[in-house]
Amino acid sequence: MKRLAPIAGLLIVFLSGCAWGGGRAGRADRFEAALGGAEPPEDFVVALTVLGDPSGAGNRSRPGLRAARYVVEADGVLRAAIGQGVTPSTFPPMTRTLDDGQIRDLWRLASAAAQQPGEVIANPDLFQGGPGSAVLYLSAGGTRRARAVSLGDPAIAGLADELARLAWIRTDGPR
């Protein structure tokens, strides 16, 4: 009997480890399932930090390419800060509250953007990207993910353009 106690202890530790790992896999599965859904989950949050126009021209016809930080909170509040110097830790002021249709449309764009290639980053504040790059943060299905992405990707650029449009970023006149 004394020999079985250590084996039983190891078995308990092993099974606990399997359950722990399964929990992580479960969160990833919920995130992927949420991305495939037509409706935004209750915890849908998207933040996009655009580090600037790849051409350096501050493109007037594509305001989504301008340096900016956009945050859409779970309650539909859109926050936006525009201009050089924004970082993933910039907390923009409230711009407006989006309606349900706008949130659904934004969800479709954000979930498509989240499925594009990008480098997973543990601490977005330490990301050192240049013009043409962005940091995409998405919360869905109980999981949060941050990735470094490229504005050269049409899904990412489309999300940036829509966020700029919703934030009433002008395409004419002085910047």
C-alpha atoms as a PDB file:
ATOM      1  CA  MET A   1       0.000   0.000   0.000  1.00  0.00           C
ATOM      2  CA  LYS A   2       2.843   2.395   0.819  1.00  0.00           C
ATOM      3  CA  ARG A   3       4.189   2.013  -2.731  1.00  0.00           C
ATOM      4  CA  LEU A   4       0.862   3.030  -4.272  1.00  0.00           C
ATOM      5  CA  ALA A   5       0.650   6.394  -2.458  1.00  0.00           C
ATOM      6  CA  PRO A   6       3.412   8.077  -4.574  1.00  0.00           C
ATOM      7  CA  ILE A   7       1.914   6.651  -7.764  1.00  0.00           C
ATOM      8  CA  ALA A   8      -1.550   7.884  -6.796  1.00  0.00           C
ATOM      9  CA  GLY A   9      -0.055  11.324  -6.064  1.00  0.00           C
ATOM     10  CA  LEU A  10       1.637  11.442  -9.473  1.00  0.00           C
ATOM     11  CA  LEU A  11      -1.577  10.355 -11.143  1.00  0.00           C
ATOM     12  CA  ILE A  12      -3.488  13.189  -9.446  1.00  0.00           C
ATOM     13  CA  VAL A  13      -0.847  15.740 -10.513  1.00  0.00           C
ATOM     14  CA  PHE A  14      -0.897  14.395 -14.079  1.00  0.00           C
ATOM     15  CA  LEU A  15      -4.693  14.532 -14.318  1.00  0.00           C
ATOM     16  CA  SER A  16      -4.733  18.041 -12.845  1.00  0.00           C
ATOM     17  CA  GLY A  17      -2.236  19.113 -15.489  1.00  0.00           C
ATOM     18  CA  CYS A  18      -4.411  17.645 -18.228  1.00  0.00           C
ATOM     19  CA  ALA A  19      -7.419  19.526 -16.890  1.00  0.00           C
ATOM     20  CA  TRP A  20      -5.395  22.757 -16.726  1.00  0.00           C
ATOM     21  CA  GLY A  21      -4.160  22.384 -20.297  1.00  0.00           C
ATOM     22  CA  GLY A  22      -7.669  21.547 -21.418  1.00  0.00           C
ATOM     23  CA  GLY A  23      -8.861  24.832 -19.951  1.00  0.00           C
ATOM     24  CA  ARG A  24      -6.424  26.770 -22.102  1.00  0.00           C
ATOM     25  CA  ALA A  25      -7.469  24.822 -25.163  1.00  0.00           C
ATOM     26  CA  GLY A  26     -11.101  25.482 -24.241  1.00  0.00           C
ATOM     27  CA  ARG A  27     -10.524  29.253 -24.180  1.00  0.00           C
ATOM     28  CA  ALA A  28      -8.809  29.115 -27.558  1.00  0.00           C
ATOM     29  CA  ASP A  29     -11.712  27.084 -28.931  1.00  0.00           C
ATOM     30  CA  ARG A  30     -14.223  29.643 -27.569  1.00  0.00           C
ATOM     31  CA  PHE A  31     -12.224  32.470 -29.160  1.00  0.00           C
ATOM     32  CA  GLU A  32     -12.143  30.707 -32.542  1.00  0.00           C
ATOM     33  CA  ALA A  33     -15.845  29.861 -32.269  1.00  0.00           C
ATOM     34  CA  ALA A  34     -16.644  33.495 -31.448  1.00  0.00           C
ATOM     35  CA  LEU A  35     -14.705  34.661 -34.519  1.00  0.00           C
ATOM     36  CA  GLY A  36     -16.873  32.446 -36.691  1.00  0.00           C
ATOM     37  CA  GLY A  37     -20.126  33.825 -35.282  1.00  0.00           C
ATOM     38  CA  ALA A  38     -22.321  36.282 -37.161  1.00  0.00           C
ATOM     39  CA  GLU A  39     -23.147  38.238 -34.002  1.00  0.00           C
ATOM     40  CA  PRO A  40     -20.599  39.915 -31.744  1.00  0.00           C
ATOM     41  CA  PRO A  41     -20.111  38.227 -28.370  1.00  0.00           C
ATOM     42  CA  GLU A  42     -21.026  40.177 -25.230  1.00  0.00           C
ATOM     43  CA  ASP A  43     -17.344  40.712 -24.411  1.00  0.00           C
ATOM     44  CA  PHE A  44     -16.444  42.055 -27.882  1.00  0.00           C
ATOM     45  CA  VAL A  45     -13.775  44.734 -27.586  1.00  0.00           C
ATOM     46  CA  VAL A  46     -11.507  45.850 -30.391  1.00  0.00           C
ATOM     47  CA  ALA A  47      -8.565  48.235 -30.244  1.00  0.00           C
ATOM     48  CA  LEU A  48      -6.390  49.184 -33.191  1.00  0.00           C
ATOM     49  CA  THR A  49      -3.260  51.273 -32.929  1.00  0.00           C
ATOM     50  CA  VAL A  50      -2.158  52.476 -36.362  1.00  0.00           C
ATOM     51  CA  LEU A  51       1.476  53.522 -36.330  1.00  0.00           C
ATOM     52  CA  GLY A  52       1.226  55.626 -39.474  1.00  0.00           C
ATOM     53  CA  ASP A  53       0.899  55.687 -43.216  1.00  0.00           C
ATOM     54  CA  PRO A  54       3.521  53.464 -44.870  1.00  0.00           C
ATOM     55  CA  SER A  55       4.185  56.223 -47.413  1.00  0.00           C
ATOM     56  CA  GLY A  56       4.742  58.771 -44.637  1.00  0.00           C
ATOM     57  CA  ALA A  57       2.419  61.152 -46.462  1.00  0.00           C
ATOM     58  CA  GLY A  58      -0.430  61.182 -43.949  1.00  0.00           C
ATOM     59  CA  ASN A  59      -2.790  59.993 -46.665  1.00  0.00           C
ATOM     60  CA  ARG A  60      -5.846  62.287 -46.846  1.00  0.00           C
ATOM     61  CA  SER A  61      -7.873  59.906 -49.010  1.00  0.00           C
ATOM     62  CA  ARG A  62      -7.317  56.998 -46.598  1.00  0.00           C
ATOM     63  CA  PRO A  63      -7.740  58.408 -43.083  1.00  0.00           C
ATOM     64  CA  GLY A  64      -7.460  54.865 -41.694  1.00  0.00           C
ATOM     65  CA  LEU A  65      -3.761  54.946 -42.574  1.00  0.00           C
ATOM     66  CA  ARG A  66      -3.061  57.952 -40.343  1.00  0.00           C
ATOM     67  CA  ALA A  67      -1.411  57.357 -36.971  1.00  0.00           C
ATOM     68  CA  ALA A  68      -4.268  56.755 -34.547  1.00  0.00           C
ATOM     69  CA  ARG A  69      -5.552  54.712 -31.636  1.00  0.00           C
ATOM     70  CA  TYR A  70      -9.122  53.405 -31.735  1.00  0.00           C
ATOM     71  CA  VAL A  71     -10.858  51.518 -28.935  1.00  0.00           C
ATOM     72  CA  VAL A  72     -14.400  50.145 -29.100  1.00  0.00           C
ATOM     73  CA  GLU A  73     -15.550  48.997 -25.681  1.00  0.00           C
ATOM     74  CA  ALA A  74     -18.046  46.230 -24.966  1.00  0.00           C
ATOM     75  CA  ASP A  75     -20.825  48.779 -24.419  1.00  0.00           C
ATOM     76  CA  GLY A  76     -20.274  50.305 -27.884  1.00  0.00           C
ATOM     77  CA  VAL A  77     -18.316  53.380 -26.809  1.00  0.00           C
ATOM     78  CA  LEU A  78     -15.810  54.372 -29.501  1.00  0.00           C
ATOM     79  CA  ARG A  79     -12.699  56.190 -28.345  1.00  0.00           C
ATOM     80  CA  ALA A  80     -10.240  57.740 -30.794  1.00  0.00           C
ATOM     81  CA  ALA A  81      -6.953  59.636 -30.654  1.00  0.00           C
ATOM     82  CA  ILE A  82      -5.323  60.770 -33.870  1.00  0.00           C
ATOM     83  CA  GLY A  83      -1.737  61.829 -34.582  1.00  0.00           C
ATOM     84  CA  GLN A  84       1.877  60.834 -34.254  1.00  0.00           C
ATOM     85  CA  GLY A  85       2.866  59.617 -30.824  1.00  0.00           C
ATOM     86  CA  VAL A  86      -0.135  57.374 -30.144  1.00  0.00           C
ATOM     87  CA  THR A  87       0.803  54.052 -28.605  1.00  0.00           C
ATOM     88  CA  PRO A  88      -1.091  50.919 -27.584  1.00  0.00           C
ATOM     89  CA  SER A  89      -1.270  52.376 -24.068  1.00  0.00           C
ATOM     90  CA  THR A  90      -2.878  55.655 -25.197  1.00  0.00           C
ATOM     91  CA  PHE A  91      -6.342  55.955 -23.626  1.00  0.00           C
ATOM     92  CA  PRO A  92      -8.318  58.037 -26.126  1.00  0.00           C
ATOM     93  CA  PRO A  93     -11.250  60.265 -25.243  1.00  0.00           C
ATOM     94  CA  MET A  94     -14.791  59.151 -26.000  1.00  0.00           C
ATOM     95  CA  THR A  95     -15.847  60.003 -29.546  1.00  0.00           C
ATOM     96  CA  ARG A  96     -19.334  58.521 -29.767  1.00  0.00           C
ATOM     97  CA  THR A  97     -21.503  55.524 -28.946  1.00  0.00           C
ATOM     98  CA  LEU A  98     -22.083  53.071 -31.783  1.00  0.00           C
ATOM     99  CA  ASP A  99     -25.495  51.567 -32.466  1.00  0.00           C
ATOM    100  CA  ASP A 100     -26.124  47.814 -32.708  1.00  0.00           C
ATOM    101  CA  GLY A 101     -25.867  47.763 -36.524  1.00  0.00           C
ATOM    102  CA  GLN A 102     -22.517  49.573 -36.445  1.00  0.00           C
ATOM    103  CA  ILE A 103     -21.221  47.163 -33.813  1.00  0.00           C
ATOM    104  CA  ARG A 104     -22.313  44.143 -35.901  1.00  0.00           C
ATOM    105  CA  ASP A 105     -20.602  45.579 -38.993  1.00  0.00           C
ATOM    106  CA  LEU A 106     -17.473  46.327 -36.995  1.00  0.00           C
ATOM    107  CA  TRP A 107     -17.538  42.788 -35.554  1.00  0.00           C
ATOM    108  CA  ARG A 108     -17.496  41.305 -39.060  1.00  0.00           C
ATOM    109  CA  LEU A 109     -14.480  43.439 -39.999  1.00  0.00           C
ATOM    110  CA  ALA A 110     -12.656  42.838 -36.702  1.00  0.00           C
ATOM    111  CA  SER A 111     -13.194  39.068 -36.727  1.00  0.00           C
ATOM    112  CA  ALA A 112     -11.953  38.888 -40.336  1.00  0.00           C
ATOM    113  CA  ALA A 113      -8.923  41.022 -39.418  1.00  0.00           C
ATOM    114  CA  ALA A 114      -8.193  38.797 -36.403  1.00  0.00           C
ATOM    115  CA  GLN A 115      -7.875  35.787 -38.703  1.00  0.00           C
ATOM    116  CA  GLN A 116      -5.144  37.400 -40.831  1.00  0.00           C
ATOM    117  CA  PRO A 117      -1.448  36.666 -40.324  1.00  0.00           C
ATOM    118  CA  GLY A 118       0.262  38.580 -37.562  1.00  0.00           C
ATOM    119  CA  GLU A 119       2.794  38.214 -34.788  1.00  0.00           C
ATOM    120  CA  VAL A 120       1.310  37.487 -31.369  1.00  0.00           C
ATOM    121  CA  ILE A 121       2.655  39.994 -28.872  1.00  0.00           C
ATOM    122  CA  ALA A 122       2.487  39.550 -25.118  1.00  0.00           C
ATOM    123  CA  ASN A 123       2.929  43.240 -24.289  1.00  0.00           C
ATOM    124  CA  PRO A 124       1.608  45.607 -26.967  1.00  0.00           C
ATOM    125  CA  ASP A 125       3.230  48.581 -25.218  1.00  0.00           C
ATOM    126  CA  LEU A 126       6.663  47.202 -26.094  1.00  0.00           C
ATOM    127  CA  PHE A 127       5.911  46.799 -29.816  1.00  0.00           C
ATOM    128  CA  GLN A 128       8.392  48.791 -31.908  1.00  0.00           C
ATOM    129  CA  GLY A 129       6.707  48.742 -35.327  1.00  0.00           C
ATOM    130  CA  GLY A 130       7.019  51.509 -37.854  1.00  0.00           C
ATOM    131  CA  PRO A 131       4.763  53.141 -40.431  1.00  0.00           C
ATOM    132  CA  GLY A 132       2.564  50.598 -42.136  1.00  0.00           C
ATOM    133  CA  SER A 133       2.211  48.467 -39.021  1.00  0.00           C
ATOM    134  CA  ALA A 134      -0.475  48.328 -36.372  1.00  0.00           C
ATOM    135  CA  VAL A 135      -1.375  46.553 -33.154  1.00  0.00           C
ATOM    136  CA  LEU A 136      -4.732  44.761 -33.168  1.00  0.00           C
ATOM    137  CA  TYR A 137      -6.278  43.823 -29.819  1.00  0.00           C
ATOM    138  CA  LEU A 138      -9.452  41.761 -29.750  1.00  0.00           C
ATOM    139  CA  SER A 139     -11.511  40.356 -26.908  1.00  0.00           C
ATOM    140  CA  ALA A 140     -14.057  37.672 -27.767  1.00  0.00           C
ATOM    141  CA  GLY A 141     -15.308  34.468 -26.197  1.00  0.00           C
ATOM    142  CA  GLY A 142     -13.588  35.209 -22.878  1.00  0.00           C
ATOM    143  CA  THR A 143     -10.137  35.519 -24.457  1.00  0.00           C
ATOM    144  CA  ARG A 144      -8.028  38.560 -25.301  1.00  0.00           C
ATOM    145  CA  ARG A 145      -5.383  38.592 -28.026  1.00  0.00           C
ATOM    146  CA  ALA A 146      -2.953  41.219 -29.269  1.00  0.00           C
ATOM    147  CA  ARG A 147      -1.049  40.917 -32.536  1.00  0.00           C
ATOM    148  CA  ALA A 148       1.248  43.026 -34.631  1.00  0.00           C
ATOM    149  CA  VAL A 149      -0.329  43.338 -38.090  1.00  0.00           C
ATOM    150  CA  SER A 150       0.330  45.066 -41.403  1.00  0.00           C
ATOM    151  CA  LEU A 151      -1.789  47.789 -42.969  1.00  0.00           C
ATOM    152  CA  GLY A 152      -0.833  46.180 -46.290  1.00  0.00           C
ATOM    153  CA  ASP A 153      -3.357  43.457 -45.467  1.00  0.00           C
ATOM    154  CA  PRO A 154      -6.736  44.491 -46.950  1.00  0.00           C
ATOM    155  CA  ALA A 155      -8.677  43.157 -43.933  1.00  0.00           C
ATOM    156  CA  ILE A 156      -6.557  45.225 -41.518  1.00  0.00           C
ATOM    157  CA  ALA A 157      -6.711  48.352 -43.716  1.00  0.00           C
ATOM    158  CA  GLY A 158     -10.484  47.913 -44.066  1.00  0.00           C
ATOM    159  CA  LEU A 159     -10.892  47.765 -40.295  1.00  0.00           C
ATOM    160  CA  ALA A 160      -8.709  50.873 -39.905  1.00  0.00           C
ATOM    161  CA  ASP A 161     -10.732  52.742 -42.552  1.00  0.00           C
ATOM    162  CA  GLU A 162     -14.037  51.825 -40.898  1.00  0.00           C
ATOM    163  CA  LEU A 163     -12.827  52.864 -37.452  1.00  0.00           C
ATOM    164  CA  ALA A 164     -11.633  56.197 -38.875  1.00  0.00           C
ATOM    165  CA  ARG A 165     -15.001  56.693 -40.601  1.00  0.00           C
ATOM    166  CA  LEU A 166     -16.910  55.888 -37.400  1.00  0.00           C
ATOM    167  CA  ALA A 167     -14.666  58.297 -35.481  1.00  0.00           C
ATOM    168  CA  TRP A 168     -15.538  61.041 -37.991  1.00  0.00           C
ATOM    169  CA  ILE A 169     -11.971  61.492 -39.210  1.00  0.00           C
ATOM    170  CA  ARG A 170     -12.074  64.025 -42.023  1.00  0.00           C
ATOM    171  CA  THR A 171     -10.619  63.328 -45.436  1.00  0.00           C
ATOM    172  CA  ASP A 172     -10.521  66.992 -46.472  1.00  0.00           C
ATOM    173  CA  GLY A 173      -9.120  70.198 -45.044  1.00  0.00           C
ATOM    174  CA  PRO A 174      -6.263  70.657 -42.599  1.00  0.00           C
ATOM    175  CA  ARG A 175      -5.228  67.795 -40.366  1.00  0.00           C
END
